Amino acid sequence: MNIVGSSFYQQFDGSDGGSGLAVVSVSPKVGVPLKFLGVSHGAWKASFAVSYFHLSNDGLLDGNQVLANPTRESNLLQFHGGVSVFF
């Protein structure tokens, strides 16, 4: 959660973006050990995650319109994946 004051995000015209709850996000992650690589090469793990963001601040929506796409989308998804090793 991101709770902000009225001047934290600004709209295109320079006015305040609004105060209160600006962003709510959830990001569940799943990790799978890659045991077939054996312990002599370290402990390998593959991970996958999905992040969901709900934007509810006018200034933040204006910024998202500039950076992401031409619409003021308030619900965004991101997909992540990776491989890690620990020695």
Protein backbone atom coordinates (compact mmCIF):
# COMPACT_ATOMS: atom_id res chain seq x y z
CA MET A 1 0.00 0.00 0.00
CA ASN A 2 1.13 3.52 -0.73
CA ILE A 3 -0.63 6.30 1.19
CA VAL A 4 0.41 9.82 0.16
CA GLY A 5 -0.18 13.50 0.84
CA SER A 6 -1.92 15.67 -1.74
CA SER A 7 1.29 17.11 -3.23
CA PHE A 8 3.22 13.81 -3.57
CA TYR A 9 1.97 13.12 -7.12
CA GLN A 10 1.03 15.95 -9.48
CA GLN A 11 -1.35 15.97 -12.41
CA PHE A 12 -0.37 17.16 -15.92
CA ASP A 13 -1.63 20.67 -15.19
CA GLY A 14 0.50 20.94 -12.02
CA SER A 15 -2.38 20.56 -9.58
CA ASP A 16 -2.23 18.12 -6.68
CA GLY A 17 -2.82 14.47 -7.49
CA GLY A 18 -4.89 13.86 -4.37
CA SER A 19 -4.17 12.43 -0.95
CA GLY A 20 -4.86 9.07 0.63
CA LEU A 21 -4.47 5.63 -0.84
CA ALA A 22 -2.51 5.85 -4.12
CA VAL A 23 -1.38 2.29 -4.89
CA VAL A 24 -2.35 -1.19 -3.73
CA SER A 25 -0.14 -4.04 -4.93
CA VAL A 26 -0.02 -7.82 -4.53
CA SER A 27 2.80 -10.00 -5.82
CA PRO A 28 2.61 -13.75 -5.18
CA LYS A 29 5.83 -15.66 -5.99
CA VAL A 30 6.52 -19.37 -6.55
CA GLY A 31 9.98 -20.90 -6.30
CA VAL A 32 10.96 -24.35 -7.57
CA PRO A 33 14.28 -25.96 -6.59
CA LEU A 34 16.30 -27.28 -9.55
CA LYS A 35 17.65 -30.37 -7.77
CA PHE A 36 18.72 -32.08 -10.99
CA LEU A 37 21.79 -29.75 -11.09
CA GLY A 38 23.16 -31.36 -7.92
CA VAL A 39 24.67 -29.71 -4.83
CA SER A 40 28.19 -29.50 -6.30
CA HIS A 41 27.00 -26.67 -8.54
CA GLY A 42 25.23 -24.77 -5.74
CA ALA A 43 21.55 -24.67 -4.83
CA TRP A 44 19.66 -23.52 -7.92
CA LYS A 45 16.07 -22.27 -7.90
CA ALA A 46 13.68 -21.03 -10.59
CA SER A 47 11.09 -18.45 -9.55
CA PHE A 48 7.97 -17.02 -11.14
CA ALA A 49 5.80 -14.14 -9.95
CA VAL A 50 2.84 -12.03 -11.01
CA SER A 51 2.47 -8.48 -9.68
CA TYR A 52 -0.87 -6.68 -9.65
CA PHE A 53 -1.09 -2.91 -9.07
CA HIS A 54 -4.25 -0.87 -8.56
CA LEU A 55 -3.60 2.87 -9.06
CA SER A 56 -6.13 5.20 -7.41
CA ASN A 57 -4.45 8.62 -7.51
CA ASP A 58 -5.10 11.16 -10.31
CA GLY A 59 -1.47 12.33 -10.41
CA LEU A 60 -0.19 8.76 -10.55
CA LEU A 61 -2.63 7.91 -13.34
CA ASP A 62 -1.40 10.94 -15.33
CA GLY A 63 2.21 9.75 -14.94
CA ASN A 64 1.27 6.22 -15.94
CA GLN A 65 -0.37 7.60 -19.07
CA VAL A 66 2.92 9.26 -20.07
CA LEU A 67 5.23 6.36 -19.19
CA ALA A 68 3.18 3.28 -20.05
CA ASN A 69 0.48 3.83 -22.65
CA PRO A 70 -2.01 6.44 -23.91
CA THR A 71 -4.84 5.31 -21.58
CA ARG A 72 -5.33 5.97 -17.87
CA GLU A 73 -5.31 2.32 -16.82
CA SER A 74 -5.74 1.80 -13.10
CA ASN A 75 -5.16 -1.98 -13.05
CA LEU A 76 -1.72 -3.19 -14.15
CA LEU A 77 -0.09 -6.64 -14.31
CA GLN A 78 3.60 -7.54 -14.46
CA PHE A 79 5.09 -11.00 -14.94
CA HIS A 80 8.50 -11.94 -13.53
CA GLY A 81 10.75 -14.94 -13.83
CA GLY A 82 14.28 -15.76 -12.83
CA VAL A 83 16.90 -18.28 -11.81
CA SER A 84 19.09 -17.96 -8.71
CA VAL A 85 21.99 -19.90 -7.26
CA PHE A 86 23.33 -20.05 -3.71
CA PHE A 87 26.76 -21.41 -2.80
